[in-house]
Amino acid sequence: MPLDVGFGRAYFSSQALVPPTADQSYPYSTVGRLFFTIPGQGDFVCSGAVIYPRLVLTAGHCVHSGSGGQSGWFTNFLFAPAYRDGATPYSVWQGSAAIVTTAWLNGNGQVPNAADYALIEVEDQTVDGIPRRIGEVVGYLGYQTNRLIPNHAHLLGYPVNFDRGERMHQVTAQSFRRYLNENALYGSDMGGGSSGGPWIMNFGSAAGGQAGGAEPARNQVIGVNSYGFEQPPQIVGSSTLNDNFISILNQACSRRPGNCP
């Protein structure tokens, strides 16, 4: 059996970025490592991606425990786009607010969940003497709802089972099958630390002369890493971006002028 195939023949390709400095080029530059604290437990890491000028998309379980109401929130969110081997070429951005879906807030921390995703608003920084939003520095991705099945995507993140989570990793895969609670499964071998990393359709730039197609928009997030099966993982799942996502996006956009385009 080929190495890059999940249980049930969920095929995928898994590889490091070549060269490693590719993480500083768009659209890789929008993806980063997310650091946070779970009160009473310690410091943890996830992955995330910039989707609007001040907004980082990640998994709900990287932001809130899924139970306990206000006591379930995690703290000290720091997002480092294009993080690699301890280096932060685009600085580290501090979270100022976080929003999770009602489905995750009341889901008792269980996956698959109908909406295991969240948005973090990050503070601006002064770059070369000018106040900048994170999306103005690293760029930002678009999004599409209800596009997990059928599709093909780039899955990005910082899994600790590769390079100790110190380098961005990428998987390309076709949708495998639908799963519980409006989730979808794709083949992947990314483990812990990749949670919250984006699933991106039409990744990268179009080639010269390339045009048309039913879904021509480039670099559109269709899901985020939520959970995996087997050890090491062979299949991973994502909640579907749907009305739950639009609800938290609208909340995040209305929090502060300039959060969204």
C-alpha atoms as a PDB file:
ATOM      1  CA  MET A   1       0.000   0.000   0.000  1.00  0.00           C
ATOM      2  CA  PRO A   2       1.393   3.470  -0.856  1.00  0.00           C
ATOM      3  CA  LEU A   3       2.527   5.569   2.100  1.00  0.00           C
ATOM      4  CA  ASP A   4       0.220   8.475   1.326  1.00  0.00           C
ATOM      5  CA  VAL A   5      -3.126   6.742   1.515  1.00  0.00           C
ATOM      6  CA  GLY A   6      -5.580   6.688   4.365  1.00  0.00           C
ATOM      7  CA  PHE A   7      -7.813   3.918   5.593  1.00  0.00           C
ATOM      8  CA  GLY A   8     -10.388   3.033   2.949  1.00  0.00           C
ATOM      9  CA  ARG A   9      -8.098   4.405   0.222  1.00  0.00           C
ATOM     10  CA  ALA A  10      -8.414   8.089   1.021  1.00  0.00           C
ATOM     11  CA  TYR A  11      -5.499   9.189  -1.175  1.00  0.00           C
ATOM     12  CA  PHE A  12      -3.382  12.238  -0.474  1.00  0.00           C
ATOM     13  CA  SER A  13       0.078  13.706  -1.063  1.00  0.00           C
ATOM     14  CA  SER A  14       2.050  14.961   1.939  1.00  0.00           C
ATOM     15  CA  GLN A  15       5.174  17.094   1.678  1.00  0.00           C
ATOM     16  CA  ALA A  16       7.318  19.808   3.179  1.00  0.00           C
ATOM     17  CA  LEU A  17       7.465  23.233   1.562  1.00  0.00           C
ATOM     18  CA  VAL A  18      10.283  23.426  -0.984  1.00  0.00           C
ATOM     19  CA  PRO A  19      12.115  25.680  -0.570  1.00  0.00           C
ATOM     20  CA  PRO A  20      11.281  26.293   3.121  1.00  0.00           C
ATOM     21  CA  THR A  21      11.209  30.049   2.439  1.00  0.00           C
ATOM     22  CA  ALA A  22       8.105  29.531   0.307  1.00  0.00           C
ATOM     23  CA  ASP A  23       6.156  30.153   3.522  1.00  0.00           C
ATOM     24  CA  GLN A  24       6.853  33.876   3.076  1.00  0.00           C
ATOM     25  CA  SER A  25       5.102  33.992  -0.315  1.00  0.00           C
ATOM     26  CA  TYR A  26       1.347  34.366  -0.759  1.00  0.00           C
ATOM     27  CA  PRO A  27      -0.808  32.361  -0.188  1.00  0.00           C
ATOM     28  CA  TYR A  28       1.430  30.419   2.245  1.00  0.00           C
ATOM     29  CA  SER A  29       2.185  33.683   4.061  1.00  0.00           C
ATOM     30  CA  THR A  30      -1.396  33.861   5.327  1.00  0.00           C
ATOM     31  CA  VAL A  31      -0.952  30.659   7.348  1.00  0.00           C
ATOM     32  CA  GLY A  32       0.691  30.621  10.757  1.00  0.00           C
ATOM     33  CA  ARG A  33       1.124  29.020  14.132  1.00  0.00           C
ATOM     34  CA  LEU A  34      -1.348  29.975  16.864  1.00  0.00           C
ATOM     35  CA  PHE A  35      -0.186  30.079  20.487  1.00  0.00           C
ATOM     36  CA  PHE A  36      -2.642  30.223  23.387  1.00  0.00           C
ATOM     37  CA  THR A  37      -3.179  29.353  27.042  1.00  0.00           C
ATOM     38  CA  ILE A  38      -5.769  27.030  28.518  1.00  0.00           C
ATOM     39  CA  PRO A  39      -6.300  28.365  32.058  1.00  0.00           C
ATOM     40  CA  GLY A  40      -5.183  25.862  34.648  1.00  0.00           C
ATOM     41  CA  GLN A  41      -3.563  23.589  32.058  1.00  0.00           C
ATOM     42  CA  GLY A  42      -0.764  25.491  30.317  1.00  0.00           C
ATOM     43  CA  ASP A  43       0.291  26.728  26.893  1.00  0.00           C
ATOM     44  CA  PHE A  44      -0.724  25.034  23.637  1.00  0.00           C
ATOM     45  CA  VAL A  45      -0.421  25.452  19.868  1.00  0.00           C
ATOM     46  CA  CYS A  46      -2.728  25.222  16.864  1.00  0.00           C
ATOM     47  CA  SER A  47      -2.689  26.581  13.310  1.00  0.00           C
ATOM     48  CA  GLY A  48      -4.702  29.280  11.593  1.00  0.00           C
ATOM     49  CA  ALA A  49      -4.991  31.488   8.518  1.00  0.00           C
ATOM     50  CA  VAL A  50      -5.771  35.128   7.780  1.00  0.00           C
ATOM     51  CA  ILE A  51      -9.066  35.368   5.906  1.00  0.00           C
ATOM     52  CA  TYR A  52      -9.868  39.076   6.233  1.00  0.00           C
ATOM     53  CA  PRO A  53      -7.783  42.191   7.053  1.00  0.00           C
ATOM     54  CA  ARG A  54      -7.897  41.607  10.844  1.00  0.00           C
ATOM     55  CA  LEU A  55      -9.367  38.115  11.151  1.00  0.00           C
ATOM     56  CA  VAL A  56      -7.675  34.754  11.680  1.00  0.00           C
ATOM     57  CA  LEU A  57      -9.670  31.573  11.096  1.00  0.00           C
ATOM     58  CA  THR A  58      -8.884  28.563  13.282  1.00  0.00           C
ATOM     59  CA  ALA A  59     -10.667  25.648  14.952  1.00  0.00           C
ATOM     60  CA  GLY A  60     -13.226  26.235  17.691  1.00  0.00           C
ATOM     61  CA  HIS A  61     -11.379  23.833  19.974  1.00  0.00           C
ATOM     62  CA  CYS A  62      -8.319  26.107  19.752  1.00  0.00           C
ATOM     63  CA  VAL A  63     -10.327  28.976  21.252  1.00  0.00           C
ATOM     64  CA  HIS A  64     -12.894  27.532  23.695  1.00  0.00           C
ATOM     65  CA  SER A  65     -13.350  24.251  25.539  1.00  0.00           C
ATOM     66  CA  GLY A  66     -16.822  23.707  24.085  1.00  0.00           C
ATOM     67  CA  SER A  67     -18.475  23.837  27.519  1.00  0.00           C
ATOM     68  CA  GLY A  68     -18.530  26.003  30.612  1.00  0.00           C
ATOM     69  CA  GLY A  69     -19.775  29.188  28.969  1.00  0.00           C
ATOM     70  CA  GLN A  70     -17.567  32.157  29.872  1.00  0.00           C
ATOM     71  CA  SER A  71     -15.254  29.953  31.931  1.00  0.00           C
ATOM     72  CA  GLY A  72     -14.470  27.884  28.826  1.00  0.00           C
ATOM     73  CA  TRP A  73     -12.519  30.580  26.966  1.00  0.00           C
ATOM     74  CA  PHE A  74      -8.817  30.186  26.329  1.00  0.00           C
ATOM     75  CA  THR A  75      -6.510  33.210  26.625  1.00  0.00           C
ATOM     76  CA  ASN A  76      -3.296  34.876  25.414  1.00  0.00           C
ATOM     77  CA  PHE A  77      -3.828  34.338  21.683  1.00  0.00           C
ATOM     78  CA  LEU A  78      -0.707  35.040  19.622  1.00  0.00           C
ATOM     79  CA  PHE A  79      -0.589  34.413  15.872  1.00  0.00           C
ATOM     80  CA  ALA A  80       2.707  34.083  14.003  1.00  0.00           C
ATOM     81  CA  PRO A  81       2.216  34.010  10.199  1.00  0.00           C
ATOM     82  CA  ALA A  82       4.864  32.085   8.240  1.00  0.00           C
ATOM     83  CA  TYR A  83       6.406  30.861  11.508  1.00  0.00           C
ATOM     84  CA  ARG A  84       9.435  28.635  10.931  1.00  0.00           C
ATOM     85  CA  ASP A  85      11.984  27.186  13.362  1.00  0.00           C
ATOM     86  CA  GLY A  86      11.238  29.843  15.957  1.00  0.00           C
ATOM     87  CA  ALA A  87      11.498  32.721  13.474  1.00  0.00           C
ATOM     88  CA  THR A  88       8.568  35.103  12.931  1.00  0.00           C
ATOM     89  CA  PRO A  89       9.312  37.019   9.698  1.00  0.00           C
ATOM     90  CA  TYR A  90       6.006  38.891   9.859  1.00  0.00           C
ATOM     91  CA  SER A  91       6.080  39.414  13.625  1.00  0.00           C
ATOM     92  CA  VAL A  92       3.624  38.024  16.191  1.00  0.00           C
ATOM     93  CA  TRP A  93       0.118  39.436  16.315  1.00  0.00           C
ATOM     94  CA  GLN A  94      -1.925  39.604  19.500  1.00  0.00           C
ATOM     95  CA  GLY A  95      -5.539  38.503  19.567  1.00  0.00           C
ATOM     96  CA  SER A  96      -7.996  41.127  20.814  1.00  0.00           C
ATOM     97  CA  ALA A  97     -11.214  39.083  20.622  1.00  0.00           C
ATOM     98  CA  ALA A  98     -12.390  35.580  19.733  1.00  0.00           C
ATOM     99  CA  ILE A  99     -15.714  34.297  18.442  1.00  0.00           C
ATOM    100  CA  VAL A 100     -16.920  30.690  18.294  1.00  0.00           C
ATOM    101  CA  THR A 101     -20.118  29.203  16.927  1.00  0.00           C
ATOM    102  CA  THR A 102     -23.062  28.296  19.130  1.00  0.00           C
ATOM    103  CA  ALA A 103     -22.680  24.705  17.933  1.00  0.00           C
ATOM    104  CA  TRP A 104     -19.156  24.556  19.338  1.00  0.00           C
ATOM    105  CA  LEU A 105     -19.932  26.584  22.474  1.00  0.00           C
ATOM    106  CA  ASN A 106     -22.613  24.076  23.483  1.00  0.00           C
ATOM    107  CA  GLY A 107     -21.052  20.935  21.984  1.00  0.00           C
ATOM    108  CA  ASN A 108     -19.233  19.671  25.102  1.00  0.00           C
ATOM    109  CA  GLY A 109     -15.940  19.741  23.222  1.00  0.00           C
ATOM    110  CA  GLN A 110     -16.866  16.732  21.107  1.00  0.00           C
ATOM    111  CA  VAL A 111     -15.933  16.153  17.465  1.00  0.00           C
ATOM    112  CA  PRO A 112     -17.212  15.760  14.841  1.00  0.00           C
ATOM    113  CA  ASN A 113     -19.033  18.997  15.578  1.00  0.00           C
ATOM    114  CA  ALA A 114     -21.293  20.831  13.151  1.00  0.00           C
ATOM    115  CA  ALA A 115     -19.154  23.978  13.403  1.00  0.00           C
ATOM    116  CA  ASP A 116     -15.702  23.450  14.945  1.00  0.00           C
ATOM    117  CA  TYR A 117     -14.250  26.744  13.762  1.00  0.00           C
ATOM    118  CA  ALA A 118     -13.628  30.181  15.221  1.00  0.00           C
ATOM    119  CA  LEU A 119     -12.410  33.657  14.339  1.00  0.00           C
ATOM    120  CA  ILE A 120      -9.794  35.682  16.194  1.00  0.00           C
ATOM    121  CA  GLU A 121      -9.527  39.443  15.736  1.00  0.00           C
ATOM    122  CA  VAL A 122      -5.906  40.607  15.979  1.00  0.00           C
ATOM    123  CA  GLU A 123      -4.512  43.993  16.903  1.00  0.00           C
ATOM    124  CA  ASP A 124      -2.815  46.214  14.334  1.00  0.00           C
ATOM    125  CA  GLN A 125       0.940  46.790  14.341  1.00  0.00           C
ATOM    126  CA  THR A 126       3.182  49.615  13.221  1.00  0.00           C
ATOM    127  CA  VAL A 127       5.240  48.501  10.231  1.00  0.00           C
ATOM    128  CA  ASP A 128       7.835  50.911   8.835  1.00  0.00           C
ATOM    129  CA  GLY A 129       6.184  53.678  10.829  1.00  0.00           C
ATOM    130  CA  ILE A 130       2.693  53.009   9.448  1.00  0.00           C
ATOM    131  CA  PRO A 131      -0.173  51.273  11.319  1.00  0.00           C
ATOM    132  CA  ARG A 132      -1.008  48.076   9.451  1.00  0.00           C
ATOM    133  CA  ARG A 133      -3.622  45.345   9.700  1.00  0.00           C
ATOM    134  CA  ILE A 134      -2.309  41.814   9.427  1.00  0.00           C
ATOM    135  CA  GLY A 135      -4.011  41.260   6.062  1.00  0.00           C
ATOM    136  CA  GLU A 136      -2.179  44.268   4.643  1.00  0.00           C
ATOM    137  CA  VAL A 137       1.138  42.656   5.594  1.00  0.00           C
ATOM    138  CA  VAL A 138       0.691  38.975   4.657  1.00  0.00           C
ATOM    139  CA  GLY A 139      -2.416  39.065   2.435  1.00  0.00           C
ATOM    140  CA  TYR A 140      -5.598  37.163   3.165  1.00  0.00           C
ATOM    141  CA  LEU A 141      -7.599  34.274   1.798  1.00  0.00           C
ATOM    142  CA  GLY A 142     -11.169  34.161   0.579  1.00  0.00           C
ATOM    143  CA  TYR A 143     -13.757  31.583   1.559  1.00  0.00           C
ATOM    144  CA  GLN A 144     -16.537  29.488   0.057  1.00  0.00           C
ATOM    145  CA  THR A 145     -19.390  27.876   1.958  1.00  0.00           C
ATOM    146  CA  ASN A 146     -20.712  24.339   1.401  1.00  0.00           C
ATOM    147  CA  ARG A 147     -17.799  23.324  -0.830  1.00  0.00           C
ATOM    148  CA  LEU A 148     -16.211  20.386   1.022  1.00  0.00           C
ATOM    149  CA  ILE A 149     -17.915  17.653  -1.032  1.00  0.00           C
ATOM    150  CA  PRO A 150     -16.947  17.116  -3.814  1.00  0.00           C
ATOM    151  CA  ASN A 151     -13.699  19.064  -3.997  1.00  0.00           C
ATOM    152  CA  HIS A 152      -9.906  18.976  -3.966  1.00  0.00           C
ATOM    153  CA  ALA A 153      -7.849  21.075  -1.562  1.00  0.00           C
ATOM    154  CA  HIS A 154      -4.519  22.092  -0.101  1.00  0.00           C
ATOM    155  CA  LEU A 155      -4.465  21.351   3.636  1.00  0.00           C
ATOM    156  CA  LEU A 156      -1.919  23.455   5.547  1.00  0.00           C
ATOM    157  CA  GLY A 157      -0.781  23.555   9.155  1.00  0.00           C
ATOM    158  CA  TYR A 158       1.906  22.972  11.757  1.00  0.00           C
ATOM    159  CA  PRO A 159       1.574  19.305  12.792  1.00  0.00           C
ATOM    160  CA  VAL A 160       3.896  18.275  15.619  1.00  0.00           C
ATOM    161  CA  ASN A 161       4.411  14.859  13.996  1.00  0.00           C
ATOM    162  CA  PHE A 162       6.461  16.598  11.265  1.00  0.00           C
ATOM    163  CA  ASP A 163       9.430  18.854  12.074  1.00  0.00           C
ATOM    164  CA  ARG A 164       8.108  19.056  15.667  1.00  0.00           C
ATOM    165  CA  GLY A 165       5.535  21.556  14.428  1.00  0.00           C
ATOM    166  CA  GLU A 166       8.289  24.063  13.735  1.00  0.00           C
ATOM    167  CA  ARG A 167       7.639  24.229   9.993  1.00  0.00           C
ATOM    168  CA  MET A 168       4.536  24.577   7.861  1.00  0.00           C
ATOM    169  CA  HIS A 169       3.421  21.324   6.237  1.00  0.00           C
ATOM    170  CA  GLN A 170       1.138  20.727   3.260  1.00  0.00           C
ATOM    171  CA  VAL A 171      -1.162  17.958   2.108  1.00  0.00           C
ATOM    172  CA  THR A 172      -3.136  17.850  -1.128  1.00  0.00           C
ATOM    173  CA  ALA A 173      -6.194  15.626  -1.243  1.00  0.00           C
ATOM    174  CA  GLN A 174      -9.514  15.006  -2.895  1.00  0.00           C
ATOM    175  CA  SER A 175     -12.647  14.797  -0.765  1.00  0.00           C
ATOM    176  CA  PHE A 176     -13.104  11.243   0.540  1.00  0.00           C
ATOM    177  CA  ARG A 177     -16.642  11.104   1.938  1.00  0.00           C
ATOM    178  CA  ARG A 178     -19.274  12.833   4.009  1.00  0.00           C
ATOM    179  CA  TYR A 179     -19.291  12.268   7.748  1.00  0.00           C
ATOM    180  CA  LEU A 180     -21.398  12.935  10.818  1.00  0.00           C
ATOM    181  CA  ASN A 181     -22.766  16.397  11.708  1.00  0.00           C
ATOM    182  CA  GLU A 182     -22.263  17.871   8.238  1.00  0.00           C
ATOM    183  CA  ASN A 183     -18.545  17.066   8.280  1.00  0.00           C
ATOM    184  CA  ALA A 184     -16.333  15.816   5.466  1.00  0.00           C
ATOM    185  CA  LEU A 185     -13.281  13.558   5.503  1.00  0.00           C
ATOM    186  CA  TYR A 186     -10.099  13.925   3.445  1.00  0.00           C
ATOM    187  CA  GLY A 187      -6.939  11.832   3.443  1.00  0.00           C
ATOM    188  CA  SER A 188      -4.112  13.413   5.465  1.00  0.00           C
ATOM    189  CA  ASP A 189      -1.284  12.471   7.818  1.00  0.00           C
ATOM    190  CA  MET A 190      -1.089  15.764   9.732  1.00  0.00           C
ATOM    191  CA  GLY A 191      -1.429  15.296  13.495  1.00  0.00           C
ATOM    192  CA  GLY A 192      -1.800  17.511  16.548  1.00  0.00           C
ATOM    193  CA  GLY A 193      -0.814  21.155  16.109  1.00  0.00           C
ATOM    194  CA  SER A 194      -2.391  21.294  12.652  1.00  0.00           C
ATOM    195  CA  SER A 195      -5.847  21.911  14.154  1.00  0.00           C
ATOM    196  CA  GLY A 196      -7.331  25.083  12.709  1.00  0.00           C
ATOM    197  CA  GLY A 197      -5.145  24.991   9.607  1.00  0.00           C
ATOM    198  CA  PRO A 198      -7.004  25.943   6.419  1.00  0.00           C
ATOM    199  CA  TRP A 199      -8.313  23.690   3.650  1.00  0.00           C
ATOM    200  CA  ILE A 200      -7.924  25.783   0.506  1.00  0.00           C
ATOM    201  CA  MET A 201      -9.393  25.165  -2.939  1.00  0.00           C
ATOM    202  CA  ASN A 202      -7.853  26.627  -6.117  1.00  0.00           C
ATOM    203  CA  PHE A 203      -4.587  27.144  -4.244  1.00  0.00           C
ATOM    204  CA  GLY A 204      -1.944  29.468  -5.648  1.00  0.00           C
ATOM    205  CA  SER A 205      -1.882  31.644  -8.741  1.00  0.00           C
ATOM    206  CA  ALA A 206      -3.501  30.802 -12.052  1.00  0.00           C
ATOM    207  CA  ALA A 207      -1.128  30.012 -14.897  1.00  0.00           C
ATOM    208  CA  GLY A 208      -0.888  32.232 -17.938  1.00  0.00           C
ATOM    209  CA  GLY A 209      -3.811  31.406 -20.215  1.00  0.00           C
ATOM    210  CA  GLN A 210      -5.694  29.544 -17.493  1.00  0.00           C
ATOM    211  CA  ALA A 211      -9.295  30.714 -17.309  1.00  0.00           C
ATOM    212  CA  GLY A 212     -12.839  29.544 -16.882  1.00  0.00           C
ATOM    213  CA  GLY A 213     -14.090  26.691 -14.742  1.00  0.00           C
ATOM    214  CA  ALA A 214     -17.153  26.408 -12.564  1.00  0.00           C
ATOM    215  CA  GLU A 215     -15.263  27.758  -9.480  1.00  0.00           C
ATOM    216  CA  PRO A 216     -12.615  30.204 -10.781  1.00  0.00           C
ATOM    217  CA  ALA A 217     -11.945  32.131  -7.537  1.00  0.00           C
ATOM    218  CA  ARG A 218      -8.442  31.464  -6.195  1.00  0.00           C
ATOM    219  CA  ASN A 219      -7.317  30.642  -2.641  1.00  0.00           C
ATOM    220  CA  GLN A 220     -10.706  30.006  -1.095  1.00  0.00           C
ATOM    221  CA  VAL A 221     -10.923  28.386   2.356  1.00  0.00           C
ATOM    222  CA  ILE A 222     -13.528  25.608   2.447  1.00  0.00           C
ATOM    223  CA  GLY A 223     -12.757  24.073   5.853  1.00  0.00           C
ATOM    224  CA  VAL A 224     -10.256  23.765   8.729  1.00  0.00           C
ATOM    225  CA  ASN A 225      -8.445  20.841  10.321  1.00  0.00           C
ATOM    226  CA  SER A 226     -10.632  19.600  13.168  1.00  0.00           C
ATOM    227  CA  TYR A 227      -9.735  15.978  14.056  1.00  0.00           C
ATOM    228  CA  GLY A 228      -8.019  12.876  12.719  1.00  0.00           C
ATOM    229  CA  PHE A 229      -8.335   9.107  12.753  1.00  0.00           C
ATOM    230  CA  GLU A 230      -5.630   6.480  13.285  1.00  0.00           C
ATOM    231  CA  GLN A 231      -2.153   7.138  14.708  1.00  0.00           C
ATOM    232  CA  PRO A 232      -0.438   8.655  12.890  1.00  0.00           C
ATOM    233  CA  PRO A 233      -3.484  10.237  11.241  1.00  0.00           C
ATOM    234  CA  GLN A 234      -4.566   8.856   7.890  1.00  0.00           C
ATOM    235  CA  ILE A 235      -7.886  10.642   7.554  1.00  0.00           C
ATOM    236  CA  VAL A 236      -8.859  14.074   8.883  1.00  0.00           C
ATOM    237  CA  GLY A 237     -12.197  15.826   9.195  1.00  0.00           C
ATOM    238  CA  SER A 238     -13.563  19.334   8.905  1.00  0.00           C
ATOM    239  CA  SER A 239     -16.865  20.946   9.737  1.00  0.00           C
ATOM    240  CA  THR A 240     -18.633  22.517   6.766  1.00  0.00           C
ATOM    241  CA  LEU A 241     -18.440  26.287   6.467  1.00  0.00           C
ATOM    242  CA  ASN A 242     -22.137  27.164   6.327  1.00  0.00           C
ATOM    243  CA  ASP A 243     -24.590  29.543   8.032  1.00  0.00           C
ATOM    244  CA  ASN A 244     -22.762  28.958  11.317  1.00  0.00           C
ATOM    245  CA  PHE A 245     -19.637  30.407   9.741  1.00  0.00           C
ATOM    246  CA  ILE A 246     -21.455  33.358   8.181  1.00  0.00           C
ATOM    247  CA  SER A 247     -22.948  34.150  11.595  1.00  0.00           C
ATOM    248  CA  ILE A 248     -19.575  34.461  13.357  1.00  0.00           C
ATOM    249  CA  LEU A 249     -18.077  36.257  10.357  1.00  0.00           C
ATOM    250  CA  ASN A 250     -20.817  38.888  10.513  1.00  0.00           C
ATOM    251  CA  GLN A 251     -20.199  39.288  14.241  1.00  0.00           C
ATOM    252  CA  ALA A 252     -16.467  39.691  13.711  1.00  0.00           C
ATOM    253  CA  CYS A 253     -16.909  42.167  10.868  1.00  0.00           C
ATOM    254  CA  SER A 254     -19.231  44.350  12.933  1.00  0.00           C
ATOM    255  CA  ARG A 255     -16.901  44.488  15.933  1.00  0.00           C
ATOM    256  CA  ARG A 256     -14.574  47.094  14.487  1.00  0.00           C
ATOM    257  CA  PRO A 257     -14.459  49.099  11.245  1.00  0.00           C
ATOM    258  CA  GLY A 258     -11.824  47.686   8.930  1.00  0.00           C
ATOM    259  CA  ASN A 259     -11.964  44.107  10.218  1.00  0.00           C
ATOM    260  CA  CYS A 260     -13.378  43.089   6.848  1.00  0.00           C
ATOM    261  CA  PRO A 261     -12.969  44.420   3.303  1.00  0.00           C
END
